[in-house]
Amino acid sequence: MDRDILEVSQVNGYLKSVLDQDPLLQRLMIRGELSNYKVYPSGHHYFTLKDSESALRCVMFRSSASRLRFQPENGMKVIASGRITVYPRDGSYQLYCDSLTPEGAGDLAIAFEQLKAKLSAEGLFDPEHKKPLPKYPHRIAIVTSSAGAAIHDMLRILKARYPLSKVILLPVRVQGMEAPPEIAGAIRYCNRYQIADLIITGRGGGSMEDLWAFNDERVARAIYDSQIPVISAVGHEPDVTISDYVADLRAATPSNAAELAVPDQQELIQMLDSLSSKMAGDLRRKLSFFRQRLDHLSASRVLRSPGQYFADRRLALEHLTLRLTTAQRALIVSARGDLGRLASAMDAMSPLKVLSRGYSLTTTADGTTVRSVSQIKIGDSVEIRLPDGRLDAEIIGRRNEPHE
């Protein structure tokens, strides 16, 4: 009997129908290690699940991949769920994966650590990027849910501690898929229009799933880019989110954020009272000092008897004038004596005085005094100075005489 001859597509189609009808293969959970993980421009993810003995090709379409909370990496131990069927075009069977969960740790914990490591490497947590909070904020923007208990606690504390601040509520969702873009958008809105000089963002406590909006990269980057200081107030004391790491200040709770944001008016009042008392004490001391000075001046002789005071000053001035005049005269006499002695000494040393005793002064044509016969040659012109005039002469001879 002749057997039916089938086309390749018929065989693959038949195998696909067989696999698609097997209930066991329609909802599988498979443990394995990720390998050859690739994300294509289409948004689909392709990878291989393997153990020590076998490997299984897998695909996760974009719609399923968009729900991933973490970034799958090669070598990661995961549990994949989905269905197995044949891809007719290639004739190969593969797992059509609709979810991946890290084995041992939850996908949220893995996603948290991955994003934390990424942003830390980019410097978003560095202390030098932290901005100081305003000491006395005029306007405070609160980015949180308008329906939660957190906003009521913060408003109550802010009003009690520092009622001078104006509080602006920017209501956003703090849970669910829509929460991260709303929170990030509200923070950017505050900065674009400069509606506040301090931002508080956060929510009350809950599970890690409930708080996940504050572990979103979009919220973290909005906080980092904010030119206005941001306080992160998410959950309770043990809860730590990515927003806490990026923010300029982390508060343990929303109530604690309100306490950190503003000063306590009671403490300010006490400080002002203390300063007022100190100023009053300083003023009293200064008044006492000036009063003593005034009493001293009032008792002085110049105010009690100004005529006698000026008479005494006049006598003192006359006495001083007499002393100065006497000293000046003595100085003049002494100077005249010194001048006479110096004049006599200069006259005795004057060349003219020497000439008057029969000596003469001979100089060359350039004015050099002749001190030795060796300075002159026969035929040189010289000038001879006498007490009553000068003689121009020419040398016709010279004789050297030995020194005695």
Protein backbone atom coordinates (compact mmCIF):
# COMPACT_ATOMS: atom_id res chain seq x y z
CA MET A 1 0.00 0.00 0.00
CA ASP A 2 1.36 3.40 -0.98
CA ARG A 3 2.06 5.73 1.89
CA ASP A 4 0.94 9.39 1.79
CA ILE A 5 3.78 11.73 0.86
CA LEU A 6 3.72 14.87 3.04
CA GLU A 7 5.18 18.31 2.53
CA VAL A 8 7.65 19.67 5.07
CA SER A 9 5.17 22.31 6.13
CA GLN A 10 2.55 19.61 6.68
CA VAL A 11 4.86 17.74 9.01
CA ASN A 12 5.76 20.87 10.96
CA GLY A 13 2.13 21.87 11.12
CA TYR A 14 1.14 18.45 12.41
CA LEU A 15 3.82 18.51 15.10
CA LYS A 16 2.72 22.00 16.11
CA SER A 17 -0.89 20.84 16.47
CA VAL A 18 0.21 17.85 18.54
CA LEU A 19 2.27 20.00 20.88
CA ASP A 20 -0.41 22.67 21.11
CA GLN A 21 -2.95 20.04 22.23
CA ASP A 22 -0.76 18.68 25.02
CA PRO A 23 -1.89 20.39 28.29
CA LEU A 24 1.46 19.73 29.93
CA LEU A 25 3.25 21.84 27.34
CA GLN A 26 0.84 24.77 27.54
CA ARG A 27 1.82 25.98 31.00
CA LEU A 28 5.35 25.00 31.93
CA MET A 29 7.70 26.35 34.58
CA ILE A 30 11.29 25.50 33.69
CA ARG A 31 14.40 26.12 35.80
CA GLY A 32 17.61 26.88 33.96
CA GLU A 33 20.54 29.22 33.32
CA LEU A 34 20.26 32.09 30.83
CA SER A 35 22.59 31.96 27.85
CA ASN A 36 22.95 33.92 24.58
CA TYR A 37 20.47 36.52 25.83
CA LYS A 38 19.73 39.10 23.10
CA VAL A 39 17.24 41.93 22.76
CA TYR A 40 16.36 42.79 19.17
CA PRO A 41 15.25 46.21 17.88
CA SER A 42 11.73 44.83 17.57
CA GLY A 43 11.62 44.53 21.39
CA HIS A 44 11.54 40.73 21.37
CA HIS A 45 13.97 38.84 23.61
CA TYR A 46 15.70 35.67 22.44
CA PHE A 47 17.73 33.41 24.72
CA THR A 48 18.62 29.84 25.63
CA LEU A 49 17.78 28.02 28.84
CA LYS A 50 20.32 25.38 29.74
CA ASP A 51 21.36 23.00 32.49
CA SER A 52 24.32 20.64 32.75
CA GLU A 53 22.96 18.31 30.06
CA SER A 54 20.57 20.10 27.72
CA ALA A 55 19.55 23.42 26.19
CA LEU A 56 16.19 24.89 25.15
CA ARG A 57 15.63 27.78 22.77
CA CYS A 58 13.29 30.46 24.07
CA VAL A 59 11.60 33.65 22.89
CA MET A 60 9.83 36.36 24.88
CA PHE A 61 7.77 38.77 22.83
CA ARG A 62 7.83 42.48 23.45
CA SER A 63 4.46 42.57 25.23
CA SER A 64 5.70 40.10 27.84
CA ALA A 65 9.22 41.55 28.04
CA SER A 66 7.82 45.01 28.88
CA ARG A 67 6.59 43.58 32.19
CA LEU A 68 10.06 42.50 33.33
CA ARG A 69 11.12 44.17 36.60
CA PHE A 70 14.81 43.34 36.19
CA GLN A 71 17.40 43.10 33.43
CA PRO A 72 18.08 39.44 32.55
CA GLU A 73 21.79 38.63 32.20
CA ASN A 74 23.73 35.65 30.91
CA GLY A 75 24.53 33.15 33.63
CA MET A 76 21.56 34.16 35.77
CA LYS A 77 19.53 31.30 37.30
CA VAL A 78 15.86 31.82 36.48
CA ILE A 79 12.50 30.13 36.38
CA ALA A 80 10.77 30.64 33.01
CA SER A 81 7.10 30.07 32.45
CA GLY A 82 5.32 29.66 29.12
CA ARG A 83 4.32 27.12 26.50
CA ILE A 84 6.30 24.93 24.10
CA THR A 85 5.35 24.65 20.46
CA VAL A 86 6.94 24.31 17.02
CA TYR A 87 7.89 27.28 14.90
CA PRO A 88 6.71 25.94 11.52
CA ARG A 89 9.08 27.96 9.39
CA ASP A 90 12.20 26.49 11.01
CA GLY A 91 10.76 23.21 12.18
CA SER A 92 12.25 23.78 15.62
CA TYR A 93 10.44 23.75 18.89
CA GLN A 94 11.00 26.45 21.51
CA LEU A 95 9.60 27.89 24.69
CA TYR A 96 7.36 30.91 24.19
CA CYS A 97 8.14 32.59 27.52
CA ASP A 98 5.67 34.98 29.12
CA SER A 99 7.51 35.57 32.44
CA LEU A 100 10.94 35.24 34.01
CA THR A 101 11.69 35.15 37.72
CA PRO A 102 15.20 35.07 39.23
CA GLU A 103 15.69 31.92 41.23
CA GLY A 104 16.37 32.41 44.92
CA ALA A 105 15.68 36.16 44.98
CA GLY A 106 12.60 38.02 43.88
CA ASP A 107 12.61 39.91 40.62
CA LEU A 108 12.06 43.18 42.49
CA ALA A 109 15.12 42.60 44.67
CA ILE A 110 17.22 41.83 41.59
CA ALA A 111 15.90 44.89 39.76
CA PHE A 112 16.60 47.07 42.79
CA GLU A 113 20.24 45.95 43.02
CA GLN A 114 20.76 46.27 39.27
CA LEU A 115 19.45 49.83 39.13
CA LYS A 116 21.30 50.77 42.31
CA ALA A 117 24.60 49.54 40.84
CA LYS A 118 23.93 51.32 37.53
CA LEU A 119 23.08 54.71 39.04
CA SER A 120 25.88 54.48 41.58
CA ALA A 121 28.39 53.90 38.78
CA GLU A 122 27.05 57.02 37.03
CA GLY A 123 27.63 59.10 40.18
CA LEU A 124 23.98 59.85 41.01
CA PHE A 125 24.55 58.95 44.67
CA ASP A 126 27.80 60.95 45.14
CA PRO A 127 27.75 63.31 48.17
CA GLU A 128 29.14 66.25 46.17
CA HIS A 129 25.87 66.38 44.22
CA LYS A 130 23.78 66.82 47.37
CA LYS A 131 22.31 70.32 47.73
CA PRO A 132 21.81 71.97 51.13
CA LEU A 133 18.24 72.51 52.28
CA PRO A 134 16.99 76.09 52.76
CA LYS A 135 17.07 76.98 56.44
CA TYR A 136 13.74 78.84 56.35
CA PRO A 137 11.81 77.64 53.29
CA HIS A 138 9.11 79.99 52.02
CA ARG A 139 7.34 77.47 49.75
CA ILE A 140 7.36 73.68 50.07
CA ALA A 141 6.08 71.45 47.26
CA ILE A 142 4.86 68.00 48.34
CA VAL A 143 4.71 65.37 45.60
CA THR A 144 2.55 62.53 46.90
CA SER A 145 -0.96 61.12 46.90
CA SER A 146 -3.67 63.48 48.07
CA ALA A 147 -5.61 60.58 49.55
CA GLY A 148 -2.95 58.96 51.72
CA ALA A 149 -2.34 59.42 55.41
CA ALA A 150 1.18 60.67 54.68
CA ILE A 151 0.03 64.05 53.32
CA HIS A 152 -2.20 64.71 56.35
CA ASP A 153 0.66 63.92 58.73
CA MET A 154 3.04 66.22 56.86
CA LEU A 155 0.55 69.10 56.67
CA ARG A 156 -0.18 68.82 60.38
CA ILE A 157 3.50 68.84 61.36
CA LEU A 158 4.46 71.64 58.95
CA LYS A 159 1.67 73.85 60.26
CA ALA A 160 2.59 73.17 63.88
CA ARG A 161 6.32 73.66 63.42
CA TYR A 162 6.57 76.51 60.91
CA PRO A 163 3.28 78.05 59.75
CA LEU A 164 5.15 80.73 57.78
CA SER A 165 5.87 78.24 54.98
CA LYS A 166 3.40 77.97 52.13
CA VAL A 167 2.68 74.33 51.25
CA ILE A 168 1.86 73.37 47.65
CA LEU A 169 0.48 69.88 47.06
CA LEU A 170 1.12 68.26 43.67
CA PRO A 171 -1.14 65.17 43.79
CA VAL A 172 0.20 62.10 42.00
CA ARG A 173 -0.32 58.39 42.08
CA VAL A 174 2.30 56.65 44.18
CA GLN A 175 1.54 53.08 43.18
CA GLY A 176 1.06 51.30 39.88
CA MET A 177 2.36 51.66 36.34
CA GLU A 178 1.26 55.30 36.03
CA ALA A 179 2.95 56.42 39.24
CA PRO A 180 6.61 56.82 38.10
CA PRO A 181 5.92 59.19 35.16
CA GLU A 182 3.53 61.24 37.29
CA ILE A 183 6.05 61.62 40.14
CA ALA A 184 8.90 62.46 37.75
CA GLY A 185 6.68 64.92 35.87
CA ALA A 186 5.64 66.72 39.07
CA ILE A 187 9.28 67.16 40.14
CA ARG A 188 10.19 68.55 36.72
CA TYR A 189 7.16 70.86 36.84
CA CYS A 190 8.37 72.29 40.15
CA ASN A 191 11.75 73.06 38.62
CA ARG A 192 10.45 74.44 35.34
CA TYR A 193 8.20 77.00 37.03
CA GLN A 194 10.20 77.38 40.27
CA ILE A 195 7.07 77.05 42.37
CA ALA A 196 8.95 76.08 45.54
CA ASP A 197 12.36 76.25 47.18
CA LEU A 198 12.06 72.74 48.68
CA ILE A 199 10.44 69.51 47.43
CA ILE A 200 9.25 66.57 49.56
CA THR A 201 8.30 63.41 47.70
CA GLY A 202 7.25 60.07 49.13
CA ARG A 203 4.42 57.99 50.51
CA GLY A 204 3.45 55.91 53.52
CA GLY A 205 4.61 52.39 54.20
CA GLY A 206 3.81 49.24 52.28
CA SER A 207 5.34 46.23 50.61
CA MET A 208 8.25 46.46 48.21
CA GLU A 209 5.70 46.19 45.41
CA ASP A 210 3.75 49.14 46.86
CA LEU A 211 6.88 51.30 47.12
CA TRP A 212 8.22 50.33 43.70
CA ALA A 213 7.42 53.66 42.01
CA PHE A 214 10.24 55.21 44.05
CA ASN A 215 12.65 52.57 42.72
CA ASP A 216 11.95 53.65 39.14
CA GLU A 217 14.84 55.05 37.09
CA ARG A 218 12.69 57.90 35.75
CA VAL A 219 11.94 59.14 39.26
CA ALA A 220 15.58 58.78 40.30
CA ARG A 221 16.81 60.86 37.36
CA ALA A 222 14.15 63.52 37.92
CA ILE A 223 15.32 63.90 41.53
CA TYR A 224 18.97 64.03 40.44
CA ASP A 225 18.25 66.67 37.78
CA SER A 226 16.25 68.84 40.19
CA GLN A 227 17.78 72.23 40.91
CA ILE A 228 15.48 72.49 43.94
CA PRO A 229 16.59 70.41 46.97
CA VAL A 230 14.58 67.20 47.38
CA ILE A 231 13.74 65.24 50.55
CA SER A 232 12.80 61.61 49.94
CA ALA A 233 10.30 60.24 52.46
CA VAL A 234 9.22 56.73 51.48
CA GLY A 235 7.68 54.16 53.81
CA HIS A 236 9.02 53.46 57.28
CA GLU A 237 12.50 53.52 58.81
CA PRO A 238 13.64 50.11 57.43
CA ASP A 239 12.40 50.87 53.90
CA VAL A 240 15.13 52.14 51.57
CA THR A 241 14.46 53.06 47.95
CA ILE A 242 16.52 54.31 45.04
CA SER A 243 14.95 57.74 45.58
CA ASP A 244 16.48 57.81 49.07
CA TYR A 245 19.95 57.35 47.61
CA VAL A 246 19.52 60.07 44.96
CA ALA A 247 17.72 62.69 47.05
CA ASP A 248 19.55 65.50 48.82
CA LEU A 249 18.22 64.19 52.15
CA ARG A 250 16.53 60.94 53.16
CA ALA A 251 13.81 61.03 55.81
CA ALA A 252 12.84 57.90 57.72
CA THR A 253 9.12 58.61 57.27
CA PRO A 254 6.92 61.34 55.73
CA SER A 255 6.41 62.79 59.22
CA ASN A 256 10.17 62.90 59.72
CA ALA A 257 10.51 64.70 56.36
CA ALA A 258 8.22 67.47 57.60
CA GLU A 259 10.32 67.79 60.77
CA LEU A 260 13.55 67.99 58.75
CA ALA A 261 12.14 70.47 56.22
CA VAL A 262 11.37 73.35 58.60
CA PRO A 263 12.58 74.71 61.93
CA ASP A 264 10.46 74.44 65.05
CA GLN A 265 8.69 77.73 65.78
CA GLN A 266 8.90 77.07 69.54
CA GLU A 267 12.67 76.77 69.32
CA LEU A 268 12.78 79.94 67.20
CA ILE A 269 10.68 81.79 69.76
CA GLN A 270 13.00 80.66 72.54
CA MET A 271 16.02 81.73 70.49
CA LEU A 272 14.46 85.15 69.79
CA ASP A 273 13.61 85.58 73.48
CA SER A 274 17.19 84.73 74.37
CA LEU A 275 18.55 87.19 71.81
CA SER A 276 16.12 89.85 73.01
CA SER A 277 17.29 89.39 76.60
CA LYS A 278 20.90 89.54 75.53
CA MET A 279 20.32 92.71 73.52
CA ALA A 280 18.48 94.32 76.42
CA GLY A 281 21.33 93.43 78.78
CA ASP A 282 23.91 94.87 76.36
CA LEU A 283 21.85 98.04 76.01
CA ARG A 284 21.60 98.45 79.78
CA ARG A 285 25.36 98.05 80.16
CA LYS A 286 26.03 100.64 77.47
CA LEU A 287 23.57 103.09 79.01
CA SER A 288 25.25 102.63 82.39
CA PHE A 289 28.67 103.23 80.87
CA PHE A 290 27.61 106.42 79.07
CA ARG A 291 25.79 107.62 82.18
CA GLN A 292 29.04 107.28 84.18
CA ARG A 293 30.92 109.17 81.51
CA LEU A 294 28.30 111.92 81.54
CA ASP A 295 28.53 112.20 85.34
CA HIS A 296 32.32 112.40 85.10
CA LEU A 297 32.18 115.12 82.45
CA SER A 298 29.54 117.03 84.37
CA ALA A 299 31.82 117.11 87.42
CA SER A 300 34.85 118.29 85.43
CA ARG A 301 36.29 121.79 86.01
CA VAL A 302 35.82 122.90 82.40
CA LEU A 303 32.06 122.58 82.70
CA ARG A 304 31.76 123.88 86.27
CA SER A 305 34.02 126.94 85.70
CA PRO A 306 34.84 127.38 82.01
CA GLY A 307 36.29 130.94 82.52
CA GLN A 308 38.84 129.80 85.09
CA TYR A 309 39.65 126.75 82.98
CA PHE A 310 40.50 128.90 79.97
CA ALA A 311 42.49 131.31 82.14
CA ASP A 312 44.61 128.40 83.38
CA ARG A 313 45.06 127.20 79.80
CA ARG A 314 46.12 130.73 78.75
CA LEU A 315 48.78 130.88 81.50
CA ALA A 316 50.05 127.46 80.50
CA LEU A 317 50.26 128.64 76.88
CA GLU A 318 52.20 131.76 77.81
CA HIS A 319 54.62 129.68 79.89
CA LEU A 320 55.11 127.28 77.01
CA THR A 321 55.63 130.20 74.59
CA LEU A 322 58.35 131.66 76.86
CA ARG A 323 60.12 128.30 77.02
CA LEU A 324 60.02 127.91 73.28
CA THR A 325 61.33 131.46 72.70
CA THR A 326 64.22 130.96 75.14
CA ALA A 327 65.13 127.63 73.58
CA GLN A 328 65.03 129.18 70.11
CA ARG A 329 67.33 132.01 71.09
CA ALA A 330 69.83 129.63 72.67
CA LEU A 331 69.76 127.52 69.52
CA ILE A 332 70.42 130.57 67.33
CA VAL A 333 73.38 131.66 69.49
CA SER A 334 74.86 128.18 69.36
CA ALA A 335 74.37 128.03 65.59
CA ARG A 336 76.07 131.40 65.08
CA GLY A 337 79.09 130.23 67.08
CA ASP A 338 79.33 127.06 64.99
CA LEU A 339 79.03 129.10 61.80
CA GLY A 340 81.87 131.42 62.84
CA ARG A 341 84.19 128.51 63.57
CA LEU A 342 83.39 126.82 60.29
CA ALA A 343 83.91 130.08 58.35
CA SER A 344 87.33 130.60 59.95
CA ALA A 345 88.35 127.04 59.12
CA MET A 346 87.21 127.42 55.52
CA ASP A 347 89.02 130.75 55.17
CA ALA A 348 92.25 129.22 56.44
CA MET A 349 91.95 126.43 53.92
CA SER A 350 90.94 128.69 51.00
CA PRO A 351 93.29 128.62 47.96
CA LEU A 352 92.90 132.38 47.63
CA LYS A 353 94.31 132.76 51.12
CA VAL A 354 97.33 130.75 50.09
CA LEU A 355 97.80 132.88 46.94
CA SER A 356 97.82 136.07 49.00
CA ARG A 357 100.99 134.81 50.68
CA GLY A 358 102.95 134.79 47.40
CA TYR A 359 101.94 131.44 45.94
CA SER A 360 100.32 130.83 42.55
CA LEU A 361 98.09 128.09 41.05
CA THR A 362 99.03 126.61 37.65
CA THR A 363 96.52 124.67 35.51
CA THR A 364 96.72 123.05 32.07
CA ALA A 365 94.57 124.07 29.13
CA ASP A 366 91.84 121.61 30.23
CA GLY A 367 91.76 123.00 33.79
CA THR A 368 93.81 120.24 35.48
CA THR A 369 95.89 121.48 38.41
CA VAL A 370 99.64 121.06 37.76
CA ARG A 371 101.17 119.17 40.68
CA SER A 372 104.27 117.73 39.03
CA VAL A 373 106.79 118.71 36.34
CA SER A 374 106.08 115.39 34.67
CA GLN A 375 102.55 116.58 33.78
CA ILE A 376 103.95 119.30 31.44
CA LYS A 377 105.86 119.12 28.17
CA ILE A 378 107.85 121.91 26.55
CA GLY A 379 105.51 123.94 24.37
CA ASP A 380 102.40 123.30 26.47
CA SER A 381 100.18 126.26 27.31
CA VAL A 382 99.33 126.81 30.94
CA GLU A 383 97.40 129.31 33.03
CA ILE A 384 98.95 130.85 36.15
CA ARG A 385 96.52 132.18 38.72
CA LEU A 386 97.63 134.99 41.11
CA PRO A 387 95.69 136.85 43.80
CA ASP A 388 94.87 139.72 41.44
CA GLY A 389 94.46 137.91 38.09
CA ARG A 390 95.63 135.22 35.63
CA LEU A 391 98.65 134.80 33.31
CA ASP A 392 98.70 132.75 30.10
CA ALA A 393 102.17 131.20 29.59
CA GLU A 394 103.99 128.72 27.33
CA ILE A 395 106.53 126.25 28.69
CA ILE A 396 109.98 126.81 27.18
CA GLY A 397 111.89 124.61 29.57
CA ARG A 398 111.56 122.44 32.71
CA ARG A 399 113.80 121.20 35.47
CA ASN A 400 113.30 118.42 37.94
CA GLU A 401 114.49 119.15 41.44
CA PRO A 402 115.17 116.38 43.92
CA HIS A 403 112.99 116.12 47.04
CA GLU A 404 114.76 116.95 50.25
